[in-house]
């Protein structure tokens, strides 16, 4: 971890970034101990911890990440629930005859 004197933006930026660092550390530890069947990671590094006004941006990033992961999602469903019906990106099930 960077010292307060080395932090870009000074002590205030260091303190503001501390919750993000602690959260990232806890998340990595939890994922290592109990890994998910599938992990979707939206690219939201440019959105700050307290940028609640950017919720629509976060939702859009999440939707794009889910769309990129459709094939992985289908594969996980096939492995974990072999009899499940495939789901299209619109959320509707497809009927196989």
N, C-alpha and C. Protein backbone atom coordinates (compact mmCIF):
# COMPACT_ATOMS: atom_id res chain seq x y z
N UNK A 1 0.85 -1.18 0.00
CA UNK A 1 0.00 0.00 0.00
C UNK A 1 0.89 1.24 0.00
N UNK A 2 0.44 2.27 -0.63
CA UNK A 2 1.18 3.53 -0.74
C UNK A 2 1.10 4.29 0.58
N UNK A 3 2.21 4.95 0.95
CA UNK A 3 2.18 5.76 2.17
C UNK A 3 1.43 7.06 1.88
N UNK A 4 1.04 7.74 2.95
CA UNK A 4 0.29 9.00 2.80
C UNK A 4 1.10 10.01 2.01
N UNK A 5 2.40 10.09 2.27
CA UNK A 5 3.24 11.06 1.57
C UNK A 5 3.39 10.73 0.10
N UNK A 6 3.32 9.44 -0.27
CA UNK A 6 3.49 9.03 -1.66
C UNK A 6 2.18 9.08 -2.45
N UNK A 7 1.07 9.16 -1.78
CA UNK A 7 -0.23 9.10 -2.45
C UNK A 7 -0.40 10.28 -3.40
N UNK A 8 -0.84 9.97 -4.62
CA UNK A 8 -1.12 11.03 -5.59
C UNK A 8 -2.34 11.79 -5.10
N UNK A 9 -2.23 13.08 -4.99
CA UNK A 9 -3.33 13.90 -4.50
C UNK A 9 -3.22 14.20 -3.03
N UNK A 10 -2.22 13.68 -2.34
CA UNK A 10 -1.98 13.99 -0.94
C UNK A 10 -2.81 13.17 0.04
N UNK A 11 -2.77 13.59 1.29
CA UNK A 11 -3.44 12.84 2.37
C UNK A 11 -4.94 12.67 2.18
N UNK A 12 -5.61 13.69 1.66
CA UNK A 12 -7.07 13.59 1.50
C UNK A 12 -7.41 12.49 0.49
N UNK A 13 -6.70 12.47 -0.62
CA UNK A 13 -6.94 11.42 -1.63
C UNK A 13 -6.63 10.05 -1.06
N UNK A 14 -5.60 9.97 -0.23
CA UNK A 14 -5.23 8.70 0.39
C UNK A 14 -6.38 8.19 1.28
N UNK A 15 -6.92 9.09 2.10
CA UNK A 15 -8.01 8.71 3.01
C UNK A 15 -9.27 8.37 2.23
N UNK A 16 -9.57 9.12 1.17
CA UNK A 16 -10.74 8.84 0.35
C UNK A 16 -10.62 7.50 -0.36
N UNK A 17 -9.41 7.08 -0.71
CA UNK A 17 -9.20 5.82 -1.40
C UNK A 17 -9.15 4.62 -0.49
N UNK A 18 -9.00 4.83 0.82
CA UNK A 18 -8.86 3.72 1.76
C UNK A 18 -10.06 2.77 1.74
N UNK A 19 -11.31 3.25 1.76
CA UNK A 19 -12.43 2.29 1.73
C UNK A 19 -12.44 1.41 0.49
N UNK A 20 -12.07 1.99 -0.65
CA UNK A 20 -12.02 1.21 -1.89
C UNK A 20 -10.97 0.10 -1.78
N UNK A 21 -9.82 0.42 -1.20
CA UNK A 21 -8.76 -0.58 -1.05
C UNK A 21 -9.17 -1.69 -0.09
N UNK A 22 -9.82 -1.32 1.01
CA UNK A 22 -10.27 -2.32 1.98
C UNK A 22 -11.34 -3.21 1.36
N UNK A 23 -12.26 -2.62 0.63
CA UNK A 23 -13.31 -3.39 -0.03
C UNK A 23 -12.72 -4.34 -1.06
N UNK A 24 -11.75 -3.88 -1.84
CA UNK A 24 -11.11 -4.73 -2.84
C UNK A 24 -10.39 -5.90 -2.18
N UNK A 25 -9.72 -5.64 -1.07
CA UNK A 25 -9.03 -6.70 -0.35
C UNK A 25 -10.01 -7.74 0.19
N UNK A 26 -11.11 -7.28 0.77
CA UNK A 26 -12.13 -8.21 1.30
C UNK A 26 -12.76 -9.02 0.17
N UNK A 27 -13.02 -8.38 -0.95
CA UNK A 27 -13.61 -9.07 -2.10
C UNK A 27 -12.69 -10.15 -2.62
N UNK A 28 -11.40 -9.83 -2.77
CA UNK A 28 -10.43 -10.83 -3.25
C UNK A 28 -10.35 -12.01 -2.29
N UNK A 29 -10.34 -11.74 -0.98
CA UNK A 29 -10.27 -12.81 0.01
C UNK A 29 -11.51 -13.69 -0.05
N UNK A 30 -12.67 -13.08 -0.18
CA UNK A 30 -13.92 -13.86 -0.24
C UNK A 30 -13.98 -14.71 -1.51
N UNK A 31 -13.59 -14.13 -2.64
CA UNK A 31 -13.61 -14.88 -3.90
C UNK A 31 -12.62 -16.04 -3.86
N UNK A 32 -11.49 -15.86 -3.21
CA UNK A 32 -10.50 -16.93 -3.11
C UNK A 32 -11.03 -18.07 -2.24
N UNK A 33 -11.76 -17.73 -1.17
CA UNK A 33 -12.26 -18.74 -0.25
C UNK A 33 -13.50 -19.47 -0.75
N UNK A 34 -14.32 -18.80 -1.53
CA UNK A 34 -15.56 -19.38 -2.03
C UNK A 34 -15.80 -18.86 -3.44
N UNK A 35 -15.06 -19.39 -4.42
CA UNK A 35 -15.16 -18.84 -5.77
C UNK A 35 -16.54 -19.05 -6.38
N UNK A 36 -17.01 -18.08 -7.16
CA UNK A 36 -18.32 -18.20 -7.81
C UNK A 36 -18.25 -19.15 -9.00
N UNK A 37 -19.40 -19.64 -9.43
CA UNK A 37 -19.46 -20.47 -10.63
C UNK A 37 -19.15 -19.64 -11.87
N UNK A 38 -19.52 -18.39 -11.84
CA UNK A 38 -19.27 -17.48 -12.95
C UNK A 38 -19.15 -16.07 -12.37
N UNK A 39 -18.15 -15.34 -12.81
CA UNK A 39 -17.93 -13.98 -12.31
C UNK A 39 -18.00 -13.00 -13.47
N UNK A 40 -18.89 -12.03 -13.37
CA UNK A 40 -19.00 -10.98 -14.38
C UNK A 40 -18.40 -9.72 -13.75
N UNK A 41 -17.41 -9.16 -14.41
CA UNK A 41 -16.70 -8.00 -13.86
C UNK A 41 -16.83 -6.79 -14.79
N UNK A 42 -17.81 -5.93 -14.54
CA UNK A 42 -17.92 -4.72 -15.36
C UNK A 42 -16.70 -3.84 -15.17
N UNK A 43 -16.33 -3.13 -16.21
CA UNK A 43 -15.17 -2.23 -16.16
C UNK A 43 -15.63 -0.87 -15.64
N UNK A 44 -15.53 -0.67 -14.33
CA UNK A 44 -16.04 0.55 -13.71
C UNK A 44 -14.98 1.27 -12.88
N UNK A 45 -13.72 1.06 -13.22
CA UNK A 45 -12.64 1.69 -12.47
C UNK A 45 -12.68 3.20 -12.47
N UNK A 46 -13.28 3.80 -13.48
CA UNK A 46 -13.33 5.25 -13.58
C UNK A 46 -14.48 5.85 -12.78
N UNK A 47 -15.32 5.01 -12.18
CA UNK A 47 -16.45 5.50 -11.38
C UNK A 47 -16.09 5.34 -9.91
N UNK A 48 -16.18 6.42 -9.16
CA UNK A 48 -15.77 6.44 -7.76
C UNK A 48 -16.75 5.75 -6.83
N UNK A 49 -16.26 5.47 -5.63
CA UNK A 49 -17.01 4.78 -4.61
C UNK A 49 -18.30 5.52 -4.22
N UNK A 50 -18.26 6.85 -4.24
CA UNK A 50 -19.40 7.65 -3.82
C UNK A 50 -20.11 8.34 -4.99
N UNK A 51 -19.91 7.85 -6.21
CA UNK A 51 -20.54 8.45 -7.39
C UNK A 51 -21.94 7.88 -7.62
N UNK A 52 -22.80 8.05 -6.62
CA UNK A 52 -24.15 7.50 -6.71
C UNK A 52 -24.94 8.11 -7.87
N UNK A 53 -24.61 9.33 -8.23
CA UNK A 53 -25.30 10.01 -9.33
C UNK A 53 -24.99 9.36 -10.68
N UNK A 54 -24.04 8.43 -10.71
CA UNK A 54 -23.68 7.76 -11.96
C UNK A 54 -24.26 6.34 -12.04
N UNK A 55 -25.36 6.12 -11.32
CA UNK A 55 -25.98 4.79 -11.29
C UNK A 55 -26.33 4.29 -12.69
N UNK A 56 -26.85 5.16 -13.54
CA UNK A 56 -27.22 4.72 -14.89
C UNK A 56 -25.99 4.28 -15.67
N UNK A 57 -24.84 4.94 -15.45
CA UNK A 57 -23.59 4.50 -16.09
C UNK A 57 -23.20 3.11 -15.60
N UNK A 58 -23.32 2.89 -14.29
CA UNK A 58 -22.97 1.58 -13.73
C UNK A 58 -23.87 0.49 -14.28
N UNK A 59 -25.15 0.78 -14.40
CA UNK A 59 -26.09 -0.21 -14.95
C UNK A 59 -25.72 -0.54 -16.39
N UNK A 60 -25.39 0.48 -17.17
CA UNK A 60 -25.00 0.26 -18.57
C UNK A 60 -23.72 -0.59 -18.65
N UNK A 61 -22.74 -0.30 -17.80
CA UNK A 61 -21.51 -1.09 -17.78
C UNK A 61 -21.82 -2.54 -17.42
N UNK A 62 -22.70 -2.74 -16.44
CA UNK A 62 -23.08 -4.09 -16.04
C UNK A 62 -23.78 -4.84 -17.16
N UNK A 63 -24.67 -4.15 -17.87
CA UNK A 63 -25.38 -4.79 -18.99
C UNK A 63 -24.41 -5.20 -20.09
N UNK A 64 -23.44 -4.32 -20.41
CA UNK A 64 -22.45 -4.67 -21.44
C UNK A 64 -21.60 -5.85 -20.99
N UNK A 65 -21.21 -5.88 -19.72
CA UNK A 65 -20.40 -6.99 -19.21
C UNK A 65 -21.19 -8.30 -19.27
N UNK A 66 -22.48 -8.25 -18.95
CA UNK A 66 -23.31 -9.45 -19.02
C UNK A 66 -23.47 -9.91 -20.47
N UNK A 67 -23.62 -8.98 -21.39
CA UNK A 67 -23.73 -9.35 -22.81
C UNK A 67 -22.45 -10.01 -23.31
N UNK A 68 -21.29 -9.48 -22.86
CA UNK A 68 -20.02 -10.10 -23.25
C UNK A 68 -19.87 -11.50 -22.66
N UNK A 69 -20.55 -11.77 -21.55
CA UNK A 69 -20.41 -13.05 -20.86
C UNK A 69 -21.50 -14.05 -21.22
N UNK A 70 -22.36 -13.75 -22.19
CA UNK A 70 -23.49 -14.63 -22.53
C UNK A 70 -23.04 -16.06 -22.78
N UNK A 71 -21.97 -16.24 -23.58
CA UNK A 71 -21.52 -17.61 -23.87
C UNK A 71 -21.07 -18.33 -22.61
N UNK A 72 -20.37 -17.63 -21.73
CA UNK A 72 -19.93 -18.24 -20.46
C UNK A 72 -21.12 -18.56 -19.56
N UNK A 73 -22.11 -17.70 -19.58
CA UNK A 73 -23.33 -17.93 -18.80
C UNK A 73 -24.04 -19.18 -19.30
N UNK A 74 -24.20 -19.28 -20.62
CA UNK A 74 -24.85 -20.46 -21.20
C UNK A 74 -24.08 -21.73 -20.84
N UNK A 75 -22.76 -21.66 -20.92
CA UNK A 75 -21.93 -22.83 -20.59
C UNK A 75 -22.10 -23.21 -19.11
N UNK A 76 -22.11 -22.23 -18.23
CA UNK A 76 -22.29 -22.52 -16.80
C UNK A 76 -23.66 -23.13 -16.54
N UNK A 77 -24.70 -22.61 -17.19
CA UNK A 77 -26.04 -23.17 -17.03
C UNK A 77 -26.05 -24.63 -17.50
N UNK A 78 -25.43 -24.89 -18.65
CA UNK A 78 -25.39 -26.24 -19.19
C UNK A 78 -24.67 -27.20 -18.24
N UNK A 79 -23.59 -26.75 -17.63
CA UNK A 79 -22.82 -27.60 -16.71
C UNK A 79 -23.55 -27.79 -15.38
N UNK A 80 -24.09 -26.70 -14.83
CA UNK A 80 -24.68 -26.75 -13.50
C UNK A 80 -26.13 -27.24 -13.49
N UNK A 81 -26.84 -27.03 -14.60
CA UNK A 81 -28.24 -27.46 -14.68
C UNK A 81 -28.48 -28.01 -16.08
N UNK A 82 -28.01 -29.24 -16.35
CA UNK A 82 -28.06 -29.80 -17.70
C UNK A 82 -29.43 -29.79 -18.36
N UNK A 83 -30.50 -29.90 -17.61
CA UNK A 83 -31.84 -29.95 -18.20
C UNK A 83 -32.48 -28.59 -18.40
N UNK A 84 -31.80 -27.51 -18.02
CA UNK A 84 -32.40 -26.18 -18.11
C UNK A 84 -32.52 -25.74 -19.56
N UNK A 85 -33.56 -24.97 -19.82
CA UNK A 85 -33.77 -24.44 -21.17
C UNK A 85 -32.83 -23.26 -21.39
N UNK A 86 -32.26 -23.15 -22.60
CA UNK A 86 -31.39 -22.01 -22.90
C UNK A 86 -32.16 -20.69 -22.80
N UNK A 87 -31.46 -19.63 -22.45
CA UNK A 87 -32.07 -18.32 -22.32
C UNK A 87 -31.42 -17.38 -23.33
N UNK A 88 -32.25 -16.60 -24.01
CA UNK A 88 -31.72 -15.63 -24.98
C UNK A 88 -31.33 -14.36 -24.24
N UNK A 89 -30.55 -13.47 -24.88
CA UNK A 89 -30.19 -12.21 -24.23
C UNK A 89 -31.39 -11.37 -23.81
N UNK A 90 -32.55 -11.56 -24.44
CA UNK A 90 -33.74 -10.81 -24.05
C UNK A 90 -34.36 -11.35 -22.78
N UNK A 91 -33.87 -12.51 -22.30
CA UNK A 91 -34.39 -13.10 -21.08
C UNK A 91 -35.45 -14.15 -21.31
N UNK A 92 -35.82 -14.38 -22.57
CA UNK A 92 -36.85 -15.37 -22.90
C UNK A 92 -36.21 -16.72 -23.11
N UNK A 93 -36.88 -17.77 -22.67
CA UNK A 93 -36.36 -19.11 -22.89
C UNK A 93 -36.63 -19.53 -24.32
N UNK A 94 -35.75 -20.34 -24.84
CA UNK A 94 -35.94 -20.86 -26.19
C UNK A 94 -36.43 -22.29 -26.09
N UNK A 95 -37.34 -22.65 -26.95
CA UNK A 95 -37.89 -23.99 -26.95
C UNK A 95 -37.15 -24.82 -27.98
N UNK A 96 -36.61 -25.93 -27.52
CA UNK A 96 -35.91 -26.82 -28.44
C UNK A 96 -36.81 -27.99 -28.77
N UNK A 97 -36.99 -28.24 -30.06
CA UNK A 97 -37.87 -29.34 -30.47
C UNK A 97 -37.07 -30.45 -31.07
